[in-house]
Amino acid sequence: MAQDSDSTGTVLPPNEAAILTSGNMTELELVLPDLGDEDLPEIAVFLVACAMRFHSDPDFVQEQLEWLVRAHDAETDEGLRPDQLNSANDD
């Protein structure tokens, strides 16, 4: 699916993948590039899995969102932030 440019949107480069909201943010739309015979990179496969889980089990998604709220409210320590990571942390 290609994204058209307009005054209210952003153009997705042809070699990128994304999960977008649509329908006033009530639906998800999965946008994948046409890679021909190449395999999708792992992160794009992850996006596909997320979209499939949303469509097959929306209650799971709601549970995950509620978990995020609880974790935020409890100020759960989730470890280092991405900006705190460096190559010295690599194994």
Protein backbone atom coordinates (compact mmCIF):
# COMPACT_ATOMS: atom_id res chain seq x y z
CA MET A 1 0.00 0.00 0.00
CA ALA A 2 1.41 3.36 -0.93
CA GLN A 3 0.79 6.52 1.02
CA ASP A 4 -0.18 9.64 -0.90
CA SER A 5 1.18 12.98 0.15
CA ASP A 6 -1.32 15.59 1.28
CA SER A 7 -1.36 18.63 3.53
CA THR A 8 -2.36 16.66 6.62
CA GLY A 9 -0.17 13.58 6.37
CA THR A 10 3.32 12.25 6.07
CA VAL A 11 4.70 10.27 3.17
CA LEU A 12 6.07 6.89 4.16
CA PRO A 13 9.24 6.05 2.21
CA PRO A 14 8.74 3.06 -0.12
CA ASN A 15 11.23 0.90 1.81
CA GLU A 16 9.65 1.42 5.27
CA ALA A 17 6.91 -0.35 7.24
CA ALA A 18 4.47 1.15 9.73
CA ILE A 19 1.38 0.57 11.80
CA LEU A 20 -0.95 3.53 11.38
CA THR A 21 -4.18 4.45 13.05
CA SER A 22 -7.20 5.19 10.88
CA GLY A 23 -10.92 5.73 11.36
CA ASN A 24 -10.37 8.49 13.92
CA MET A 25 -7.81 6.25 15.67
CA THR A 26 -10.27 3.38 16.08
CA GLU A 27 -8.57 1.01 13.61
CA LEU A 28 -5.02 -0.03 12.79
CA GLU A 29 -3.62 -0.12 9.29
CA LEU A 30 -0.47 -2.04 8.43
CA VAL A 31 1.73 -0.60 5.68
CA LEU A 32 4.45 -2.86 4.27
CA PRO A 33 6.88 -2.19 1.43
CA ASP A 34 6.93 -4.32 -1.70
CA LEU A 35 10.26 -6.10 -1.34
CA GLY A 36 9.76 -8.53 -4.19
CA ASP A 37 11.39 -11.86 -3.30
CA GLU A 38 13.26 -10.48 -0.28
CA ASP A 39 12.22 -11.41 3.25
CA LEU A 40 10.84 -8.74 5.56
CA PRO A 41 13.30 -7.60 8.21
CA GLU A 42 12.63 -8.89 11.72
CA ILE A 43 11.13 -5.62 12.99
CA ALA A 44 8.63 -5.54 10.12
CA VAL A 45 7.63 -9.13 10.93
CA PHE A 46 7.07 -7.93 14.51
CA LEU A 47 4.76 -5.17 13.23
CA VAL A 48 2.80 -7.77 11.25
CA ALA A 49 2.47 -9.94 14.36
CA CYS A 50 1.22 -6.96 16.40
CA ALA A 51 -1.37 -6.07 13.76
CA MET A 52 -2.55 -9.68 13.47
CA ARG A 53 -2.87 -10.00 17.25
CA PHE A 54 -4.86 -6.75 17.39
CA HIS A 55 -7.32 -7.97 14.77
CA SER A 56 -7.67 -11.48 16.19
CA ASP A 57 -7.68 -10.59 19.90
CA PRO A 58 -8.50 -6.93 20.65
CA ASP A 59 -9.03 -7.84 24.34
CA PHE A 60 -5.34 -8.75 24.57
CA VAL A 61 -4.40 -5.31 23.28
CA GLN A 62 -6.68 -3.68 25.84
CA GLU A 63 -5.09 -5.79 28.60
CA GLN A 64 -1.63 -4.68 27.49
CA LEU A 65 -2.67 -1.02 27.49
CA GLU A 66 -4.09 -1.40 31.00
CA TRP A 67 -0.84 -3.08 32.09
CA LEU A 68 1.13 -0.12 30.73
CA VAL A 69 -1.03 2.31 32.72
CA ARG A 70 -0.56 0.25 35.91
CA ALA A 71 3.20 0.03 35.34
CA HIS A 72 3.39 3.79 34.77
CA ASP A 73 1.29 4.54 37.85
CA ALA A 74 3.47 2.22 39.95
CA GLU A 75 6.59 3.86 38.50
CA THR A 76 8.04 0.46 37.67
CA ASP A 77 11.78 0.54 37.07
CA GLU A 78 12.18 -0.75 33.54
CA GLY A 79 15.97 -0.53 33.46
CA LEU A 80 18.07 1.73 31.30
CA ARG A 81 16.55 4.15 28.83
CA PRO A 82 17.82 3.92 25.23
CA ASP A 83 19.86 7.12 25.68
CA GLN A 84 21.64 5.48 28.65
CA LEU A 85 22.80 2.50 26.61
CA ASN A 86 26.17 2.33 24.92
CA SER A 87 28.46 -0.28 23.44
CA ALA A 88 30.03 -0.91 26.87
CA ASN A 89 26.73 -2.59 27.85
CA ASP A 90 26.94 -5.10 25.00
CA ASP A 91 27.86 -8.68 25.77
